[in-house]
């Protein structure tokens, strides 16, 4: 069974020029033995926090993200959640695992932020 970290998968996606949507990445994780966290399982609080981190660090289009972030943080309990606070620190929290964007190169961070931004539209 082959296992791959999210960091390795993002690097692979960047090196191959692939557009890694959350569905594609979770599908890749399934093909590689389930070693990747499922971005689709990121909750509203954490997604909003990560989006905030991405905007603050200029890793995502602020115009697109700002509207979505406003809608997400307007939902009850989102800003107060522990996931939101983790996300603001650059940590993606999925089904029982956490992944820090801090150690990634700029291109990989941007790709991860784009994936989270794409996922957040499903949370509205």
PDB file of N, CA and C in Angstrom:
ATOM      1  N   UNK A   1       0.848  -1.173   0.000  1.00  0.00           N
ATOM      2  CA  UNK A   1       0.000   0.000   0.000  1.00  0.00           C
ATOM      3  C   UNK A   1       0.895   1.239   0.000  1.00  0.00           C
ATOM      4  N   UNK A   2       0.659   2.164  -0.903  1.00  0.00           N
ATOM      5  CA  UNK A   2       1.436   3.389  -1.000  1.00  0.00           C
ATOM      6  C   UNK A   2       0.693   4.483  -0.252  1.00  0.00           C
ATOM      7  N   UNK A   3       1.422   5.228   0.581  1.00  0.00           N
ATOM      8  CA  UNK A   3       0.820   6.341   1.313  1.00  0.00           C
ATOM      9  C   UNK A   3       1.565   7.611   0.935  1.00  0.00           C
ATOM     10  N   UNK A   4       0.834   8.699   0.798  1.00  0.00           N
ATOM     11  CA  UNK A   4       1.442   9.964   0.420  1.00  0.00           C
ATOM     12  C   UNK A   4       0.871  11.061   1.303  1.00  0.00           C
ATOM     13  N   UNK A   5       1.730  11.959   1.742  1.00  0.00           N
ATOM     14  CA  UNK A   5       1.265  13.075   2.559  1.00  0.00           C
ATOM     15  C   UNK A   5       0.609  14.135   1.686  1.00  0.00           C
ATOM     16  N   UNK A   6      -0.156  15.003   2.313  1.00  0.00           N
ATOM     17  CA  UNK A   6      -0.781  16.106   1.585  1.00  0.00           C
ATOM     18  C   UNK A   6       0.295  16.971   0.956  1.00  0.00           C
ATOM     19  N   UNK A   7       1.375  17.201   1.677  1.00  0.00           N
ATOM     20  CA  UNK A   7       2.478  18.003   1.158  1.00  0.00           C
ATOM     21  C   UNK A   7       3.032  17.385  -0.120  1.00  0.00           C
ATOM     22  N   UNK A   8       3.255  16.075  -0.121  1.00  0.00           N
ATOM     23  CA  UNK A   8       3.785  15.396  -1.309  1.00  0.00           C
ATOM     24  C   UNK A   8       2.794  15.453  -2.462  1.00  0.00           C
ATOM     25  N   UNK A   9       1.514  15.296  -2.160  1.00  0.00           N
ATOM     26  CA  UNK A   9       0.495  15.337  -3.213  1.00  0.00           C
ATOM     27  C   UNK A   9       0.395  16.725  -3.829  1.00  0.00           C
ATOM     28  N   UNK A  10       0.463  17.767  -2.988  1.00  0.00           N
ATOM     29  CA  UNK A  10       0.420  19.125  -3.514  1.00  0.00           C
ATOM     30  C   UNK A  10       1.640  19.407  -4.376  1.00  0.00           C
ATOM     31  N   UNK A  11       2.797  18.956  -3.922  1.00  0.00           N
ATOM     32  CA  UNK A  11       4.018  19.130  -4.705  1.00  0.00           C
ATOM     33  C   UNK A  11       3.896  18.416  -6.035  1.00  0.00           C
ATOM     34  N   UNK A  12       3.386  17.193  -6.015  1.00  0.00           N
ATOM     35  CA  UNK A  12       3.187  16.431  -7.242  1.00  0.00           C
ATOM     36  C   UNK A  12       2.229  17.158  -8.179  1.00  0.00           C
ATOM     37  N   UNK A  13       1.154  17.692  -7.633  1.00  0.00           N
ATOM     38  CA  UNK A  13       0.182  18.415  -8.458  1.00  0.00           C
ATOM     39  C   UNK A  13       0.810  19.649  -9.092  1.00  0.00           C
ATOM     40  N   UNK A  14       1.630  20.345  -8.326  1.00  0.00           N
ATOM     41  CA  UNK A  14       2.282  21.544  -8.849  1.00  0.00           C
ATOM     42  C   UNK A  14       3.311  21.189  -9.909  1.00  0.00           C
ATOM     43  N   UNK A  15       4.112  20.177  -9.639  1.00  0.00           N
ATOM     44  CA  UNK A  15       5.154  19.783 -10.587  1.00  0.00           C
ATOM     45  C   UNK A  15       4.587  19.262 -11.893  1.00  0.00           C
ATOM     46  N   UNK A  16       3.437  18.617 -11.824  1.00  0.00           N
ATOM     47  CA  UNK A  16       2.843  18.075 -13.046  1.00  0.00           C
ATOM     48  C   UNK A  16       1.911  19.074 -13.711  1.00  0.00           C
ATOM     49  N   UNK A  17       1.714  20.225 -13.060  1.00  0.00           N
ATOM     50  CA  UNK A  17       0.836  21.244 -13.631  1.00  0.00           C
ATOM     51  C   UNK A  17      -0.632  20.891 -13.498  1.00  0.00           C
ATOM     52  N   UNK A  18      -0.939  19.942 -12.642  1.00  0.00           N
ATOM     53  CA  UNK A  18      -2.326  19.504 -12.479  1.00  0.00           C
ATOM     54  C   UNK A  18      -3.109  20.529 -11.682  1.00  0.00           C
ATOM     55  N   UNK A  19      -4.360  20.631 -11.982  1.00  0.00           N
ATOM     56  CA  UNK A  19      -5.263  21.459 -11.204  1.00  0.00           C
ATOM     57  C   UNK A  19      -5.899  20.537 -10.177  1.00  0.00           C
ATOM     58  N   UNK A  20      -5.503  20.667  -8.929  1.00  0.00           N
ATOM     59  CA  UNK A  20      -5.948  19.726  -7.904  1.00  0.00           C
ATOM     60  C   UNK A  20      -7.146  20.270  -7.147  1.00  0.00           C
ATOM     61  N   UNK A  21      -8.323  19.932  -7.587  1.00  0.00           N
ATOM     62  CA  UNK A  21      -9.520  20.309  -6.837  1.00  0.00           C
ATOM     63  C   UNK A  21      -9.615  19.381  -5.634  1.00  0.00           C
ATOM     64  N   UNK A  22     -10.460  19.724  -4.683  1.00  0.00           N
ATOM     65  CA  UNK A  22     -10.582  18.866  -3.506  1.00  0.00           C
ATOM     66  C   UNK A  22     -11.061  17.475  -3.889  1.00  0.00           C
ATOM     67  N   UNK A  23     -11.937  17.380  -4.872  1.00  0.00           N
ATOM     68  CA  UNK A  23     -12.412  16.063  -5.310  1.00  0.00           C
ATOM     69  C   UNK A  23     -11.277  15.268  -5.942  1.00  0.00           C
ATOM     70  N   UNK A  24     -10.457  15.927  -6.756  1.00  0.00           N
ATOM     71  CA  UNK A  24      -9.334  15.236  -7.381  1.00  0.00           C
ATOM     72  C   UNK A  24      -8.327  14.795  -6.330  1.00  0.00           C
ATOM     73  N   UNK A  25      -8.042  15.677  -5.368  1.00  0.00           N
ATOM     74  CA  UNK A  25      -7.053  15.343  -4.362  1.00  0.00           C
ATOM     75  C   UNK A  25      -7.525  14.206  -3.477  1.00  0.00           C
ATOM     76  N   UNK A  26      -8.790  14.227  -3.072  1.00  0.00           N
ATOM     77  CA  UNK A  26      -9.280  13.127  -2.247  1.00  0.00           C
ATOM     78  C   UNK A  26      -9.335  11.850  -3.068  1.00  0.00           C
ATOM     79  N   UNK A  27      -9.617  11.960  -4.367  1.00  0.00           N
ATOM     80  CA  UNK A  27      -9.584  10.790  -5.243  1.00  0.00           C
ATOM     81  C   UNK A  27      -8.184  10.235  -5.352  1.00  0.00           C
ATOM     82  N   UNK A  28      -7.199  11.120  -5.447  1.00  0.00           N
ATOM     83  CA  UNK A  28      -5.807  10.693  -5.498  1.00  0.00           C
ATOM     84  C   UNK A  28      -5.437   9.990  -4.200  1.00  0.00           C
ATOM     85  N   UNK A  29      -5.928  10.532  -3.085  1.00  0.00           N
ATOM     86  CA  UNK A  29      -5.659   9.898  -1.799  1.00  0.00           C
ATOM     87  C   UNK A  29      -6.208   8.490  -1.745  1.00  0.00           C
ATOM     88  N   UNK A  30      -7.397   8.288  -2.302  1.00  0.00           N
ATOM     89  CA  UNK A  30      -7.984   6.954  -2.341  1.00  0.00           C
ATOM     90  C   UNK A  30      -7.155   6.005  -3.181  1.00  0.00           C
ATOM     91  N   UNK A  31      -6.652   6.488  -4.307  1.00  0.00           N
ATOM     92  CA  UNK A  31      -5.839   5.642  -5.183  1.00  0.00           C
ATOM     93  C   UNK A  31      -4.516   5.280  -4.528  1.00  0.00           C
ATOM     94  N   UNK A  32      -4.026   6.157  -3.656  1.00  0.00           N
ATOM     95  CA  UNK A  32      -2.736   5.920  -3.015  1.00  0.00           C
ATOM     96  C   UNK A  32      -2.877   5.305  -1.633  1.00  0.00           C
ATOM     97  N   UNK A  33      -4.027   4.797  -1.323  1.00  0.00           N
ATOM     98  CA  UNK A  33      -4.198   4.103  -0.058  1.00  0.00           C
ATOM     99  C   UNK A  33      -4.782   4.951   1.042  1.00  0.00           C
ATOM    100  N   UNK A  34      -5.350   6.079   0.717  1.00  0.00           N
ATOM    101  CA  UNK A  34      -6.030   6.889   1.725  1.00  0.00           C
ATOM    102  C   UNK A  34      -5.113   7.694   2.608  1.00  0.00           C
ATOM    103  N   UNK A  35      -3.874   7.958   2.201  1.00  0.00           N
ATOM    104  CA  UNK A  35      -2.934   8.697   3.021  1.00  0.00           C
ATOM    105  C   UNK A  35      -3.181  10.190   3.071  1.00  0.00           C
ATOM    106  N   UNK A  36      -4.061  10.717   2.260  1.00  0.00           N
ATOM    107  CA  UNK A  36      -4.300  12.155   2.220  1.00  0.00           C
ATOM    108  C   UNK A  36      -5.539  12.527   3.009  1.00  0.00           C
ATOM    109  N   UNK A  37      -5.486  13.688   3.692  1.00  0.00           N
ATOM    110  CA  UNK A  37      -6.707  14.155   4.331  1.00  0.00           C
ATOM    111  C   UNK A  37      -7.694  14.596   3.264  1.00  0.00           C
ATOM    112  N   UNK A  38      -8.946  14.493   3.563  1.00  0.00           N
ATOM    113  CA  UNK A  38      -9.999  14.834   2.616  1.00  0.00           C
ATOM    114  C   UNK A  38     -10.402  16.297   2.816  1.00  0.00           C
ATOM    115  N   UNK A  39      -9.990  17.161   1.887  1.00  0.00           N
ATOM    116  CA  UNK A  39     -10.303  18.587   1.989  1.00  0.00           C
ATOM    117  C   UNK A  39     -11.811  18.805   2.077  1.00  0.00           C
ATOM    118  N   UNK A  40     -12.581  17.939   1.462  1.00  0.00           N
ATOM    119  CA  UNK A  40     -14.040  18.070   1.488  1.00  0.00           C
ATOM    120  C   UNK A  40     -14.607  17.920   2.899  1.00  0.00           C
ATOM    121  N   UNK A  41     -13.816  17.399   3.841  1.00  0.00           N
ATOM    122  CA  UNK A  41     -14.303  17.227   5.207  1.00  0.00           C
ATOM    123  C   UNK A  41     -13.967  18.417   6.110  1.00  0.00           C
ATOM    124  N   UNK A  42     -13.332  19.445   5.568  1.00  0.00           N
ATOM    125  CA  UNK A  42     -13.015  20.636   6.354  1.00  0.00           C
ATOM    126  C   UNK A  42     -14.321  21.356   6.690  1.00  0.00           C
ATOM    127  N   UNK A  43     -14.512  21.654   7.967  1.00  0.00           N
ATOM    128  CA  UNK A  43     -15.737  22.314   8.406  1.00  0.00           C
ATOM    129  C   UNK A  43     -15.734  23.807   8.113  1.00  0.00           C
ATOM    130  N   UNK A  44     -16.886  24.430   8.287  1.00  0.00           N
ATOM    131  CA  UNK A  44     -17.045  25.853   7.977  1.00  0.00           C
ATOM    132  C   UNK A  44     -16.105  26.731   8.799  1.00  0.00           C
ATOM    133  N   UNK A  45     -15.960  26.435  10.080  1.00  0.00           N
ATOM    134  CA  UNK A  45     -15.096  27.247  10.937  1.00  0.00           C
ATOM    135  C   UNK A  45     -13.648  27.198  10.499  1.00  0.00           C
ATOM    136  N   UNK A  46     -13.136  25.999  10.281  1.00  0.00           N
ATOM    137  CA  UNK A  46     -11.741  25.863   9.864  1.00  0.00           C
ATOM    138  C   UNK A  46     -11.520  26.436   8.471  1.00  0.00           C
ATOM    139  N   UNK A  47     -12.455  26.190   7.573  1.00  0.00           N
ATOM    140  CA  UNK A  47     -12.329  26.722   6.212  1.00  0.00           C
ATOM    141  C   UNK A  47     -12.282  28.248   6.241  1.00  0.00           C
ATOM    142  N   UNK A  48     -13.131  28.864   7.061  1.00  0.00           N
ATOM    143  CA  UNK A  48     -13.132  30.325   7.178  1.00  0.00           C
ATOM    144  C   UNK A  48     -11.811  30.819   7.761  1.00  0.00           C
ATOM    145  N   UNK A  49     -11.307  30.126   8.761  1.00  0.00           N
ATOM    146  CA  UNK A  49     -10.027  30.509   9.356  1.00  0.00           C
ATOM    147  C   UNK A  49      -8.876  30.386   8.373  1.00  0.00           C
ATOM    148  N   UNK A  50      -8.843  29.285   7.627  1.00  0.00           N
ATOM    149  CA  UNK A  50      -7.790  29.085   6.626  1.00  0.00           C
ATOM    150  C   UNK A  50      -7.905  30.150   5.542  1.00  0.00           C
ATOM    151  N   UNK A  51      -9.118  30.449   5.135  1.00  0.00           N
ATOM    152  CA  UNK A  51      -9.332  31.481   4.122  1.00  0.00           C
ATOM    153  C   UNK A  51      -8.811  32.830   4.619  1.00  0.00           C
ATOM    154  N   UNK A  52      -9.041  33.117   5.885  1.00  0.00           N
ATOM    155  CA  UNK A  52      -8.535  34.340   6.499  1.00  0.00           C
ATOM    156  C   UNK A  52      -7.001  34.357   6.457  1.00  0.00           C
ATOM    157  N   UNK A  53      -6.387  33.230   6.802  1.00  0.00           N
ATOM    158  CA  UNK A  53      -4.922  33.091   6.746  1.00  0.00           C
ATOM    159  C   UNK A  53      -4.423  33.317   5.320  1.00  0.00           C
ATOM    160  N   UNK A  54      -5.102  32.716   4.362  1.00  0.00           N
ATOM    161  CA  UNK A  54      -4.702  32.824   2.956  1.00  0.00           C
ATOM    162  C   UNK A  54      -4.808  34.263   2.460  1.00  0.00           C
ATOM    163  N   UNK A  55      -5.859  34.964   2.868  1.00  0.00           N
ATOM    164  CA  UNK A  55      -6.018  36.366   2.469  1.00  0.00           C
ATOM    165  C   UNK A  55      -4.933  37.227   3.106  1.00  0.00           C
ATOM    166  N   UNK A  56      -4.702  37.026   4.384  1.00  0.00           N
ATOM    167  CA  UNK A  56      -3.698  37.802   5.119  1.00  0.00           C
ATOM    168  C   UNK A  56      -2.318  37.642   4.488  1.00  0.00           C
ATOM    169  N   UNK A  57      -2.028  36.450   3.994  1.00  0.00           N
ATOM    170  CA  UNK A  57      -0.720  36.160   3.410  1.00  0.00           C
ATOM    171  C   UNK A  57      -0.706  36.289   1.885  1.00  0.00           C
ATOM    172  N   UNK A  58      -1.790  36.859   1.338  1.00  0.00           N
ATOM    173  CA  UNK A  58      -1.906  37.112  -0.108  1.00  0.00           C
ATOM    174  C   UNK A  58      -1.683  35.853  -0.950  1.00  0.00           C
ATOM    175  N   UNK A  59      -2.316  34.758  -0.513  1.00  0.00           N
ATOM    176  CA  UNK A  59      -2.191  33.469  -1.191  1.00  0.00           C
ATOM    177  C   UNK A  59      -3.423  33.134  -2.018  1.00  0.00           C
ATOM    178  N   UNK A  60      -4.421  34.008  -1.971  1.00  0.00           N
ATOM    179  CA  UNK A  60      -5.673  33.772  -2.684  1.00  0.00           C
ATOM    180  C   UNK A  60      -6.228  35.127  -3.124  1.00  0.00           C
ATOM    181  N   UNK A  61      -7.030  35.127  -4.168  1.00  0.00           N
ATOM    182  CA  UNK A  61      -7.637  36.354  -4.672  1.00  0.00           C
ATOM    183  C   UNK A  61      -8.531  36.952  -3.590  1.00  0.00           C
ATOM    184  N   UNK A  62      -8.141  38.109  -3.087  1.00  0.00           N
ATOM    185  CA  UNK A  62      -8.849  38.729  -1.966  1.00  0.00           C
ATOM    186  C   UNK A  62     -10.290  39.083  -2.311  1.00  0.00           C
ATOM    187  N   UNK A  63     -10.546  39.471  -3.545  1.00  0.00           N
ATOM    188  CA  UNK A  63     -11.906  39.844  -3.942  1.00  0.00           C
ATOM    189  C   UNK A  63     -12.846  38.651  -3.839  1.00  0.00           C
ATOM    190  N   UNK A  64     -12.429  37.523  -4.389  1.00  0.00           N
ATOM    191  CA  UNK A  64     -13.254  36.311  -4.336  1.00  0.00           C
ATOM    192  C   UNK A  64     -13.413  35.818  -2.905  1.00  0.00           C
ATOM    193  N   UNK A  65     -12.295  35.777  -2.189  1.00  0.00           N
ATOM    194  CA  UNK A  65     -12.294  35.206  -0.848  1.00  0.00           C
ATOM    195  C   UNK A  65     -13.041  36.073   0.159  1.00  0.00           C
ATOM    196  N   UNK A  66     -12.971  37.385   0.010  1.00  0.00           N
ATOM    197  CA  UNK A  66     -13.585  38.292   0.971  1.00  0.00           C
ATOM    198  C   UNK A  66     -15.094  38.092   1.079  1.00  0.00           C
ATOM    199  N   UNK A  67     -15.750  37.968  -0.031  1.00  0.00           N
ATOM    200  CA  UNK A  67     -17.201  37.761  -0.041  1.00  0.00           C
ATOM    201  C   UNK A  67     -17.572  36.444   0.635  1.00  0.00           C
ATOM    202  N   UNK A  68     -16.852  35.395   0.284  1.00  0.00           N
ATOM    203  CA  UNK A  68     -17.128  34.076   0.864  1.00  0.00           C
ATOM    204  C   UNK A  68     -16.817  34.078   2.354  1.00  0.00           C
ATOM    205  N   UNK A  69     -15.694  34.688   2.733  1.00  0.00           N
ATOM    206  CA  UNK A  69     -15.317  34.749   4.143  1.00  0.00           C
ATOM    207  C   UNK A  69     -16.380  35.487   4.951  1.00  0.00           C
ATOM    208  N   UNK A  70     -16.888  36.577   4.418  1.00  0.00           N
ATOM    209  CA  UNK A  70     -17.940  37.327   5.106  1.00  0.00           C
ATOM    210  C   UNK A  70     -19.186  36.494   5.337  1.00  0.00           C
ATOM    211  N   UNK A  71     -19.565  35.726   4.328  1.00  0.00           N
ATOM    212  CA  UNK A  71     -20.753  34.870   4.458  1.00  0.00           C
ATOM    213  C   UNK A  71     -20.520  33.753   5.470  1.00  0.00           C
ATOM    214  N   UNK A  72     -19.327  33.149   5.433  1.00  0.00           N
ATOM    215  CA  UNK A  72     -19.035  32.053   6.369  1.00  0.00           C
ATOM    216  C   UNK A  72     -18.961  32.542   7.806  1.00  0.00           C
ATOM    217  N   UNK A  73     -18.261  33.660   8.027  1.00  0.00           N
ATOM    218  CA  UNK A  73     -18.118  34.154   9.397  1.00  0.00           C
ATOM    219  C   UNK A  73     -19.424  34.730   9.931  1.00  0.00           C
ATOM    220  N   UNK A  74     -20.380  34.977   9.056  1.00  0.00           N
ATOM    221  CA  UNK A  74     -21.696  35.428   9.483  1.00  0.00           C
ATOM    222  C   UNK A  74     -22.566  34.304  10.022  1.00  0.00           C
ATOM    223  N   UNK A  75     -22.145  33.063   9.785  1.00  0.00           N
ATOM    224  CA  UNK A  75     -22.904  31.917  10.298  1.00  0.00           C
ATOM    225  C   UNK A  75     -22.653  31.779  11.802  1.00  0.00           C
ATOM    226  N   UNK A  76     -23.675  31.377  12.544  1.00  0.00           N
ATOM    227  CA  UNK A  76     -23.532  31.243  13.998  1.00  0.00           C
ATOM    228  C   UNK A  76     -22.427  30.260  14.392  1.00  0.00           C
ATOM    229  N   UNK A  77     -21.581  30.688  15.329  1.00  0.00           N
ATOM    230  CA  UNK A  77     -20.561  29.821  15.901  1.00  0.00           C
ATOM    231  C   UNK A  77     -19.279  29.670  15.107  1.00  0.00           C
ATOM    232  N   UNK A  78     -19.239  30.162  13.883  1.00  0.00           N
ATOM    233  CA  UNK A  78     -18.052  29.959  13.040  1.00  0.00           C
ATOM    234  C   UNK A  78     -16.830  30.659  13.626  1.00  0.00           C
ATOM    235  N   UNK A  79     -16.961  31.951  13.946  1.00  0.00           N
ATOM    236  CA  UNK A  79     -15.814  32.716  14.458  1.00  0.00           C
ATOM    237  C   UNK A  79     -15.352  32.231  15.834  1.00  0.00           C
ATOM    238  N   UNK A  80     -16.259  31.635  16.583  1.00  0.00           N
ATOM    239  CA  UNK A  80     -15.927  31.179  17.935  1.00  0.00           C
ATOM    240  C   UNK A  80     -15.361  29.762  17.963  1.00  0.00           C
ATOM    241  N   UNK A  81     -15.380  29.083  16.850  1.00  0.00           N
ATOM    242  CA  UNK A  81     -14.967  27.676  16.835  1.00  0.00           C
ATOM    243  C   UNK A  81     -13.455  27.517  16.947  1.00  0.00           C
ATOM    244  N   UNK A  82     -13.034  26.396  17.523  1.00  0.00           N
ATOM    245  CA  UNK A  82     -11.597  26.109  17.622  1.00  0.00           C
ATOM    246  C   UNK A  82     -11.001  25.904  16.234  1.00  0.00           C
ATOM    247  N   UNK A  83     -11.793  25.386  15.309  1.00  0.00           N
ATOM    248  CA  UNK A  83     -11.325  25.197  13.939  1.00  0.00           C
ATOM    249  C   UNK A  83     -10.988  26.515  13.267  1.00  0.00           C
ATOM    250  N   UNK A  84     -11.777  27.558  13.553  1.00  0.00           N
ATOM    251  CA  UNK A  84     -11.519  28.882  12.986  1.00  0.00           C
ATOM    252  C   UNK A  84     -10.172  29.399  13.470  1.00  0.00           C
ATOM    253  N   UNK A  85      -9.926  29.259  14.771  1.00  0.00           N
ATOM    254  CA  UNK A  85      -8.668  29.739  15.347  1.00  0.00           C
ATOM    255  C   UNK A  85      -7.473  28.979  14.769  1.00  0.00           C
ATOM    256  N   UNK A  86      -7.610  27.661  14.607  1.00  0.00           N
ATOM    257  CA  UNK A  86      -6.545  26.868  13.972  1.00  0.00           C
ATOM    258  C   UNK A  86      -6.312  27.325  12.537  1.00  0.00           C
ATOM    259  N   UNK A  87      -7.389  27.539  11.817  1.00  0.00           N
ATOM    260  CA  UNK A  87      -7.296  27.974  10.432  1.00  0.00           C
ATOM    261  C   UNK A  87      -6.582  29.301  10.288  1.00  0.00           C
ATOM    262  N   UNK A  88      -6.832  30.231  11.205  1.00  0.00           N
ATOM    263  CA  UNK A  88      -6.169  31.532  11.161  1.00  0.00           C
ATOM    264  C   UNK A  88      -4.659  31.401  11.328  1.00  0.00           C
ATOM    265  N   UNK A  89      -4.226  30.298  11.925  1.00  0.00           N
ATOM    266  CA  UNK A  89      -2.797  30.033  12.093  1.00  0.00           C
ATOM    267  C   UNK A  89      -2.228  29.258  10.908  1.00  0.00           C
ATOM    268  N   UNK A  90      -3.079  28.945   9.927  1.00  0.00           N
ATOM    269  CA  UNK A  90      -2.620  28.235   8.741  1.00  0.00           C
ATOM    270  C   UNK A  90      -2.702  26.726   8.857  1.00  0.00           C
ATOM    271  N   UNK A  91      -3.569  26.234   9.736  1.00  0.00           N
ATOM    272  CA  UNK A  91      -3.713  24.794   9.921  1.00  0.00           C
ATOM    273  C   UNK A  91      -5.046  24.318   9.353  1.00  0.00           C
ATOM    274  N   UNK A  92      -4.953  23.369   8.420  1.00  0.00           N
ATOM    275  CA  UNK A  92      -6.147  22.747   7.852  1.00  0.00           C
ATOM    276  C   UNK A  92      -6.478  21.542   8.715  1.00  0.00           C
ATOM    277  N   UNK A  93      -7.696  21.513   9.260  1.00  0.00           N
ATOM    278  CA  UNK A  93      -8.124  20.419  10.132  1.00  0.00           C
ATOM    279  C   UNK A  93      -9.189  19.610   9.402  1.00  0.00           C
ATOM    280  N   UNK A  94      -8.893  18.326   9.203  1.00  0.00           N
ATOM    281  CA  UNK A  94      -9.851  17.438   8.546  1.00  0.00           C
ATOM    282  C   UNK A  94     -10.216  16.321   9.503  1.00  0.00           C
ATOM    283  N   UNK A  95     -10.800  15.269   8.994  1.00  0.00           N
ATOM    284  CA  UNK A  95     -11.252  14.125   9.797  1.00  0.00           C
ATOM    285  C   UNK A  95     -10.188  13.629  10.779  1.00  0.00           C
ATOM    286  N   UNK A  96     -10.010  14.322  11.881  1.00  0.00           N
ATOM    287  CA  UNK A  96      -9.088  13.872  12.906  1.00  0.00           C
ATOM    288  C   UNK A  96      -7.627  14.155  12.632  1.00  0.00           C
ATOM    289  N   UNK A  97      -7.297  14.813  11.540  1.00  0.00           N
ATOM    290  CA  UNK A  97      -5.899  15.145  11.283  1.00  0.00           C
ATOM    291  C   UNK A  97      -5.773  16.642  11.043  1.00  0.00           C
ATOM    292  N   UNK A  98      -4.571  17.141  11.229  1.00  0.00           N
ATOM    293  CA  UNK A  98      -4.310  18.560  11.012  1.00  0.00           C
ATOM    294  C   UNK A  98      -3.062  18.696  10.154  1.00  0.00           C
ATOM    295  N   UNK A  99      -3.076  19.697   9.285  1.00  0.00           N
ATOM    296  CA  UNK A  99      -1.965  19.915   8.373  1.00  0.00           C
ATOM    297  C   UNK A  99      -1.635  21.399   8.349  1.00  0.00           C
ATOM    298  N   UNK A 100      -0.385  21.739   8.657  1.00  0.00           N
ATOM    299  CA  UNK A 100       0.036  23.133   8.674  1.00  0.00           C
ATOM    300  C   UNK A 100       0.541  23.573   7.307  1.00  0.00           C
ATOM    301  N   UNK A 101       0.062  24.704   6.859  1.00  0.00           N
ATOM    302  CA  UNK A 101       0.528  25.274   5.597  1.00  0.00           C
ATOM    303  C   UNK A 101       1.896  25.936   5.762  1.00  0.00           C
ATOM    304  N   UNK A 102       2.295  26.167   6.998  1.00  0.00           N
ATOM    305  CA  UNK A 102       3.525  26.895   7.283  1.00  0.00           C
ATOM    306  C   UNK A 102       4.778  26.346   6.636  1.00  0.00           C
ATOM    307  N   UNK A 103       4.883  25.044   6.525  1.00  0.00           N
ATOM    308  CA  UNK A 103       6.094  24.445   5.984  1.00  0.00           C
ATOM    309  C   UNK A 103       6.116  24.304   4.475  1.00  0.00           C
ATOM    310  N   UNK A 104       5.047  24.722   3.813  1.00  0.00           N
ATOM    311  CA  UNK A 104       4.971  24.564   2.359  1.00  0.00           C
ATOM    312  C   UNK A 104       5.637  25.725   1.635  1.00  0.00           C
ATOM    313  N   UNK A 105       6.095  25.476   0.432  1.00  0.00           N
ATOM    314  CA  UNK A 105       6.611  26.527  -0.448  1.00  0.00           C
ATOM    315  C   UNK A 105       5.419  27.362  -0.918  1.00  0.00           C
ATOM    316  N   UNK A 106       5.683  28.555  -1.422  1.00  0.00           N
ATOM    317  CA  UNK A 106       4.624  29.502  -1.798  1.00  0.00           C
ATOM    318  C   UNK A 106       3.632  28.917  -2.795  1.00  0.00           C
ATOM    319  N   UNK A 107       4.116  28.227  -3.826  1.00  0.00           N
ATOM    320  CA  UNK A 107       3.205  27.670  -4.837  1.00  0.00           C
ATOM    321  C   UNK A 107       2.271  26.629  -4.228  1.00  0.00           C
ATOM    322  N   UNK A 108       2.808  25.798  -3.346  1.00  0.00           N
ATOM    323  CA  UNK A 108       1.994  24.765  -2.708  1.00  0.00           C
ATOM    324  C   UNK A 108       0.970  25.391  -1.765  1.00  0.00           C
ATOM    325  N   UNK A 109       1.372  26.451  -1.041  1.00  0.00           N
ATOM    326  CA  UNK A 109       0.427  27.149  -0.164  1.00  0.00           C
ATOM    327  C   UNK A 109      -0.718  27.733  -0.986  1.00  0.00           C
ATOM    328  N   UNK A 110      -0.362  28.351  -2.109  1.00  0.00           N
ATOM    329  CA  UNK A 110      -1.382  28.946  -2.976  1.00  0.00           C
ATOM    330  C   UNK A 110      -2.343  27.888  -3.489  1.00  0.00           C
ATOM    331  N   UNK A 111      -1.819  26.746  -3.890  1.00  0.00           N
ATOM    332  CA  UNK A 111      -2.658  25.650  -4.388  1.00  0.00           C
ATOM    333  C   UNK A 111      -3.597  25.166  -3.279  1.00  0.00           C
ATOM    334  N   UNK A 112      -3.062  24.997  -2.065  1.00  0.00           N
ATOM    335  CA  UNK A 112      -3.896  24.558  -0.942  1.00  0.00           C
ATOM    336  C   UNK A 112      -4.978  25.593  -0.641  1.00  0.00           C
ATOM    337  N   UNK A 113      -4.617  26.871  -0.677  1.00  0.00           N
ATOM    338  CA  UNK A 113      -5.598  27.935  -0.427  1.00  0.00           C
ATOM    339  C   UNK A 113      -6.680  27.937  -1.497  1.00  0.00           C
ATOM    340  N   UNK A 114      -6.294  27.729  -2.743  1.00  0.00           N
ATOM    341  CA  UNK A 114      -7.282  27.642  -3.823  1.00  0.00           C
ATOM    342  C   UNK A 114      -8.234  26.474  -3.602  1.00  0.00           C
ATOM    343  N   UNK A 115      -7.692  25.352  -3.131  1.00  0.00           N
ATOM    344  CA  UNK A 115      -8.526  24.180  -2.867  1.00  0.00           C
ATOM    345  C   UNK A 115      -9.530  24.474  -1.754  1.00  0.00           C
ATOM    346  N   UNK A 116      -9.059  25.128  -0.692  1.00  0.00           N
ATOM    347  CA  UNK A 116      -9.961  25.472   0.415  1.00  0.00           C
ATOM    348  C   UNK A 116     -11.003  26.484  -0.063  1.00  0.00           C
ATOM    349  N   UNK A 117     -10.591  27.469  -0.850  1.00  0.00           N
ATOM    350  CA  UNK A 117     -11.539  28.448  -1.392  1.00  0.00           C
ATOM    351  C   UNK A 117     -12.616  27.753  -2.221  1.00  0.00           C
ATOM    352  N   UNK A 118     -12.213  26.827  -3.068  1.00  0.00           N
ATOM    353  CA  UNK A 118     -13.190  26.077  -3.868  1.00  0.00           C
ATOM    354  C   UNK A 118     -14.140  25.285  -2.977  1.00  0.00           C
ATOM    355  N   UNK A 119     -13.609  24.710  -1.899  1.00  0.00           N
ATOM    356  CA  UNK A 119     -14.436  23.928  -0.973  1.00  0.00           C
ATOM    357  C   UNK A 119     -15.436  24.814  -0.227  1.00  0.00           C
ATOM    358  N   UNK A 120     -15.025  26.032   0.118  1.00  0.00           N
ATOM    359  CA  UNK A 120     -15.901  26.892   0.922  1.00  0.00           C
ATOM    360  C   UNK A 120     -17.202  27.241   0.213  1.00  0.00           C
ATOM    361  N   UNK A 121     -17.191  27.257  -1.101  1.00  0.00           N
ATOM    362  CA  UNK A 121     -18.437  27.569  -1.813  1.00  0.00           C
ATOM    363  C   UNK A 121     -19.515  26.524  -1.526  1.00  0.00           C
ATOM    364  N   UNK A 122     -19.096  25.299  -1.218  1.00  0.00           N
ATOM    365  CA  UNK A 122     -20.073  24.252  -0.897  1.00  0.00           C
ATOM    366  C   UNK A 122     -20.613  24.391   0.531  1.00  0.00           C
ATOM    367  N   UNK A 123     -19.991  25.235   1.334  1.00  0.00           N
ATOM    368  CA  UNK A 123     -20.410  25.413   2.726  1.00  0.00           C
ATOM    369  C   UNK A 123     -21.397  26.565   2.908  1.00  0.00           C
ATOM    370  N   UNK A 124     -21.637  27.315   1.846  1.00  0.00           N
ATOM    371  CA  UNK A 124     -22.530  28.484   1.952  1.00  0.00           C
ATOM    372  C   UNK A 124     -23.989  28.085   1.889  1.00  0.00           C
TER     373      UNK A 124
END
